[in-house]
Amino acid sequence: MPDPRSWECHLRLPNDPRVLSIARHTVRTALLGYAHTPELTDTAELLTSELVSNSVKHSDGPVTVRLRSRPDAVRIGVMDNHPELPDALPCTPDQDFGRGLYLVEALADSWGRYPVIGHSRPAGWKVVWFELSDTVRK
């Protein structure tokens, strides 16, 4: 039997800069509503914003955010139609861009990216995800 404290939600968003606030507010509301810590919620909100921002900037199609919560962790993935699997760039203090994946790499417990392969999407879609442990909430 699945743990009733585990749940997930999906957001299907248009490729529009205004969706950043929708994604941030949805993640914040969902995580706090299900009793995750404020610290985990703040980090999840920031990292989700970075990934959605990258998707809106680099893709030309819709963006999907998938949030999965378990009693001890949260996993958030962002899917878009830009085929490149990104790497975190080295970050310097004078840089105006390129900090998104650097922050994900620095703040997430784990993260990754993979191409979406299957019949439901044409070639070129990918997911970038991160996971945060919630060791306080068990």
C-alpha atoms as a PDB file:
ATOM      1  CA  MET A   1       0.000   0.000   0.000  1.00  0.00           C
ATOM      2  CA  PRO A   2       1.432   3.424  -0.951  1.00  0.00           C
ATOM      3  CA  ASP A   3       2.343   5.831   1.814  1.00  0.00           C
ATOM      4  CA  PRO A   4      -0.515   8.393   2.070  1.00  0.00           C
ATOM      5  CA  ARG A   5       2.074  11.082   2.791  1.00  0.00           C
ATOM      6  CA  SER A   6       3.464  10.608  -0.742  1.00  0.00           C
ATOM      7  CA  TRP A   7       1.867  12.638  -3.510  1.00  0.00           C
ATOM      8  CA  GLU A   8       2.608  14.391  -6.772  1.00  0.00           C
ATOM      9  CA  CYS A   9       1.304  17.213  -8.906  1.00  0.00           C
ATOM     10  CA  HIS A  10       1.925  18.421 -12.447  1.00  0.00           C
ATOM     11  CA  LEU A  11       1.835  21.883 -13.966  1.00  0.00           C
ATOM     12  CA  ARG A  12       1.544  22.297 -17.723  1.00  0.00           C
ATOM     13  CA  LEU A  13       2.533  25.850 -18.525  1.00  0.00           C
ATOM     14  CA  PRO A  14       2.870  27.891 -21.725  1.00  0.00           C
ATOM     15  CA  ASN A  15       6.265  29.184 -22.742  1.00  0.00           C
ATOM     16  CA  ASP A  16       5.874  32.642 -21.233  1.00  0.00           C
ATOM     17  CA  PRO A  17       8.038  34.465 -18.651  1.00  0.00           C
ATOM     18  CA  ARG A  18       4.930  35.080 -16.515  1.00  0.00           C
ATOM     19  CA  VAL A  19       4.772  31.359 -15.643  1.00  0.00           C
ATOM     20  CA  LEU A  20       7.781  31.712 -13.327  1.00  0.00           C
ATOM     21  CA  SER A  21       5.653  33.193 -10.571  1.00  0.00           C
ATOM     22  CA  ILE A  22       2.951  30.544 -11.104  1.00  0.00           C
ATOM     23  CA  ALA A  23       5.516  27.753 -10.725  1.00  0.00           C
ATOM     24  CA  ARG A  24       7.103  29.359  -7.636  1.00  0.00           C
ATOM     25  CA  HIS A  25       3.788  29.981  -5.885  1.00  0.00           C
ATOM     26  CA  THR A  26       2.440  26.516  -6.687  1.00  0.00           C
ATOM     27  CA  VAL A  27       5.550  24.759  -5.340  1.00  0.00           C
ATOM     28  CA  ARG A  28       5.556  26.936  -2.197  1.00  0.00           C
ATOM     29  CA  THR A  29       1.861  26.407  -1.485  1.00  0.00           C
ATOM     30  CA  ALA A  30       2.000  22.669  -2.096  1.00  0.00           C
ATOM     31  CA  LEU A  31       5.095  22.007   0.013  1.00  0.00           C
ATOM     32  CA  LEU A  32       4.035  24.146   2.959  1.00  0.00           C
ATOM     33  CA  GLY A  33       0.516  22.724   2.743  1.00  0.00           C
ATOM     34  CA  TYR A  34       1.927  19.228   3.102  1.00  0.00           C
ATOM     35  CA  ALA A  35       4.107  20.219   6.083  1.00  0.00           C
ATOM     36  CA  HIS A  36       7.546  20.329   4.503  1.00  0.00           C
ATOM     37  CA  THR A  37      10.001  22.601   6.280  1.00  0.00           C
ATOM     38  CA  PRO A  38      10.214  26.274   5.322  1.00  0.00           C
ATOM     39  CA  GLU A  39      13.921  25.791   4.513  1.00  0.00           C
ATOM     40  CA  LEU A  40      13.234  22.966   2.065  1.00  0.00           C
ATOM     41  CA  THR A  41      10.339  24.937   0.587  1.00  0.00           C
ATOM     42  CA  ASP A  42      12.496  28.045   0.032  1.00  0.00           C
ATOM     43  CA  THR A  43      15.184  26.002  -1.723  1.00  0.00           C
ATOM     44  CA  ALA A  44      12.668  24.085  -3.846  1.00  0.00           C
ATOM     45  CA  GLU A  45      10.997  27.337  -4.875  1.00  0.00           C
ATOM     46  CA  LEU A  46      14.325  28.918  -5.891  1.00  0.00           C
ATOM     47  CA  LEU A  47      15.555  25.891  -7.843  1.00  0.00           C
ATOM     48  CA  THR A  48      12.201  25.394  -9.574  1.00  0.00           C
ATOM     49  CA  SER A  49      12.289  29.032 -10.651  1.00  0.00           C
ATOM     50  CA  GLU A  50      15.782  28.566 -12.087  1.00  0.00           C
ATOM     51  CA  LEU A  51      14.803  25.463 -14.082  1.00  0.00           C
ATOM     52  CA  VAL A  52      11.551  26.958 -15.392  1.00  0.00           C
ATOM     53  CA  SER A  53      13.412  30.139 -16.341  1.00  0.00           C
ATOM     54  CA  ASN A  54      15.920  28.075 -18.338  1.00  0.00           C
ATOM     55  CA  SER A  55      13.103  26.202 -20.060  1.00  0.00           C
ATOM     56  CA  VAL A  56      11.264  29.382 -21.024  1.00  0.00           C
ATOM     57  CA  LYS A  57      14.481  30.967 -22.270  1.00  0.00           C
ATOM     58  CA  HIS A  58      15.859  28.027 -24.267  1.00  0.00           C
ATOM     59  CA  SER A  59      12.776  26.186 -25.560  1.00  0.00           C
ATOM     60  CA  ASP A  60       9.886  27.259 -27.738  1.00  0.00           C
ATOM     61  CA  GLY A  61       7.162  24.945 -26.463  1.00  0.00           C
ATOM     62  CA  PRO A  62       5.235  24.318 -23.274  1.00  0.00           C
ATOM     63  CA  VAL A  63       6.946  23.640 -19.951  1.00  0.00           C
ATOM     64  CA  THR A  64       5.849  20.907 -17.547  1.00  0.00           C
ATOM     65  CA  VAL A  65       6.745  20.910 -13.849  1.00  0.00           C
ATOM     66  CA  ARG A  66       6.337  17.652 -11.927  1.00  0.00           C
ATOM     67  CA  LEU A  67       6.582  17.755  -8.144  1.00  0.00           C
ATOM     68  CA  ARG A  68       6.789  14.475  -6.212  1.00  0.00           C
ATOM     69  CA  SER A  69       6.779  14.445  -2.438  1.00  0.00           C
ATOM     70  CA  ARG A  70       7.690  11.593  -0.139  1.00  0.00           C
ATOM     71  CA  PRO A  71       7.946  11.720   3.646  1.00  0.00           C
ATOM     72  CA  ASP A  72      11.711  12.211   3.484  1.00  0.00           C
ATOM     73  CA  ALA A  73      12.330  14.025   0.168  1.00  0.00           C
ATOM     74  CA  VAL A  74      10.979  16.152  -2.637  1.00  0.00           C
ATOM     75  CA  ARG A  75      11.797  15.666  -6.320  1.00  0.00           C
ATOM     76  CA  ILE A  76      10.984  18.287  -8.926  1.00  0.00           C
ATOM     77  CA  GLY A  77      11.491  17.859 -12.656  1.00  0.00           C
ATOM     78  CA  VAL A  78      11.010  20.390 -15.447  1.00  0.00           C
ATOM     79  CA  MET A  79      10.372  19.152 -18.997  1.00  0.00           C
ATOM     80  CA  ASP A  80      10.734  21.179 -22.196  1.00  0.00           C
ATOM     81  CA  ASN A  81      11.322  20.681 -25.896  1.00  0.00           C
ATOM     82  CA  HIS A  82      14.910  21.968 -26.097  1.00  0.00           C
ATOM     83  CA  PRO A  83      17.052  18.915 -26.932  1.00  0.00           C
ATOM     84  CA  GLU A  84      20.333  19.961 -25.289  1.00  0.00           C
ATOM     85  CA  LEU A  85      21.114  18.279 -21.958  1.00  0.00           C
ATOM     86  CA  PRO A  86      22.622  21.174 -19.986  1.00  0.00           C
ATOM     87  CA  ASP A  87      25.660  21.150 -17.715  1.00  0.00           C
ATOM     88  CA  ALA A  88      26.293  23.519 -14.835  1.00  0.00           C
ATOM     89  CA  LEU A  89      28.635  26.311 -15.882  1.00  0.00           C
ATOM     90  CA  PRO A  90      31.483  27.487 -13.690  1.00  0.00           C
ATOM     91  CA  CYS A  91      30.270  30.637 -11.967  1.00  0.00           C
ATOM     92  CA  THR A  92      32.188  33.877 -11.528  1.00  0.00           C
ATOM     93  CA  PRO A  93      31.118  36.940  -9.496  1.00  0.00           C
ATOM     94  CA  ASP A  94      30.928  39.205 -12.561  1.00  0.00           C
ATOM     95  CA  GLN A  95      28.686  36.896 -14.595  1.00  0.00           C
ATOM     96  CA  ASP A  96      25.202  38.145 -15.507  1.00  0.00           C
ATOM     97  CA  PHE A  97      23.851  34.719 -16.499  1.00  0.00           C
ATOM     98  CA  GLY A  98      24.512  31.008 -16.159  1.00  0.00           C
ATOM     99  CA  ARG A  99      23.950  30.674 -12.423  1.00  0.00           C
ATOM    100  CA  GLY A 100      20.787  28.533 -12.574  1.00  0.00           C
ATOM    101  CA  LEU A 101      22.327  25.079 -12.833  1.00  0.00           C
ATOM    102  CA  TYR A 102      25.220  26.182 -10.659  1.00  0.00           C
ATOM    103  CA  LEU A 103      22.671  26.874  -7.906  1.00  0.00           C
ATOM    104  CA  VAL A 104      20.922  23.560  -8.556  1.00  0.00           C
ATOM    105  CA  GLU A 105      24.226  21.709  -8.304  1.00  0.00           C
ATOM    106  CA  ALA A 106      25.223  23.600  -5.141  1.00  0.00           C
ATOM    107  CA  LEU A 107      21.909  23.405  -3.247  1.00  0.00           C
ATOM    108  CA  ALA A 108      20.236  20.137  -4.307  1.00  0.00           C
ATOM    109  CA  ASP A 109      21.057  16.811  -2.705  1.00  0.00           C
ATOM    110  CA  SER A 110      21.072  15.339  -6.197  1.00  0.00           C
ATOM    111  CA  TRP A 111      20.159  16.476  -9.699  1.00  0.00           C
ATOM    112  CA  GLY A 112      20.333  15.282 -13.261  1.00  0.00           C
ATOM    113  CA  ARG A 113      18.923  15.463 -16.748  1.00  0.00           C
ATOM    114  CA  TYR A 114      17.743  12.962 -19.303  1.00  0.00           C
ATOM    115  CA  PRO A 115      16.137  12.881 -22.749  1.00  0.00           C
ATOM    116  CA  VAL A 116      12.473  11.931 -22.935  1.00  0.00           C
ATOM    117  CA  ILE A 117      12.205   8.867 -25.133  1.00  0.00           C
ATOM    118  CA  GLY A 118       8.864   7.354 -25.944  1.00  0.00           C
ATOM    119  CA  HIS A 119       5.713   7.526 -27.982  1.00  0.00           C
ATOM    120  CA  SER A 120       4.105  10.361 -26.015  1.00  0.00           C
ATOM    121  CA  ARG A 121       6.634  13.017 -27.110  1.00  0.00           C
ATOM    122  CA  PRO A 122       8.550  13.634 -30.313  1.00  0.00           C
ATOM    123  CA  ALA A 123      12.356  13.525 -30.197  1.00  0.00           C
ATOM    124  CA  GLY A 124      14.075  16.478 -28.567  1.00  0.00           C
ATOM    125  CA  TRP A 125      12.272  16.708 -25.221  1.00  0.00           C
ATOM    126  CA  LYS A 126      14.230  16.538 -21.979  1.00  0.00           C
ATOM    127  CA  VAL A 127      13.782  16.666 -18.202  1.00  0.00           C
ATOM    128  CA  VAL A 128      16.063  18.436 -15.730  1.00  0.00           C
ATOM    129  CA  TRP A 129      15.358  17.415 -12.131  1.00  0.00           C
ATOM    130  CA  PHE A 130      16.585  17.906  -8.595  1.00  0.00           C
ATOM    131  CA  GLU A 131      15.936  16.255  -5.256  1.00  0.00           C
ATOM    132  CA  LEU A 132      15.990  17.736  -1.767  1.00  0.00           C
ATOM    133  CA  SER A 133      16.009  15.675   1.426  1.00  0.00           C
ATOM    134  CA  ASP A 134      13.650  16.668   4.195  1.00  0.00           C
ATOM    135  CA  THR A 135      15.340  14.932   7.106  1.00  0.00           C
ATOM    136  CA  VAL A 136      13.342  16.932   9.672  1.00  0.00           C
ATOM    137  CA  ARG A 137       9.938  15.764   8.364  1.00  0.00           C
ATOM    138  CA  LYS A 138       9.705  11.979   8.648  1.00  0.00           C
END
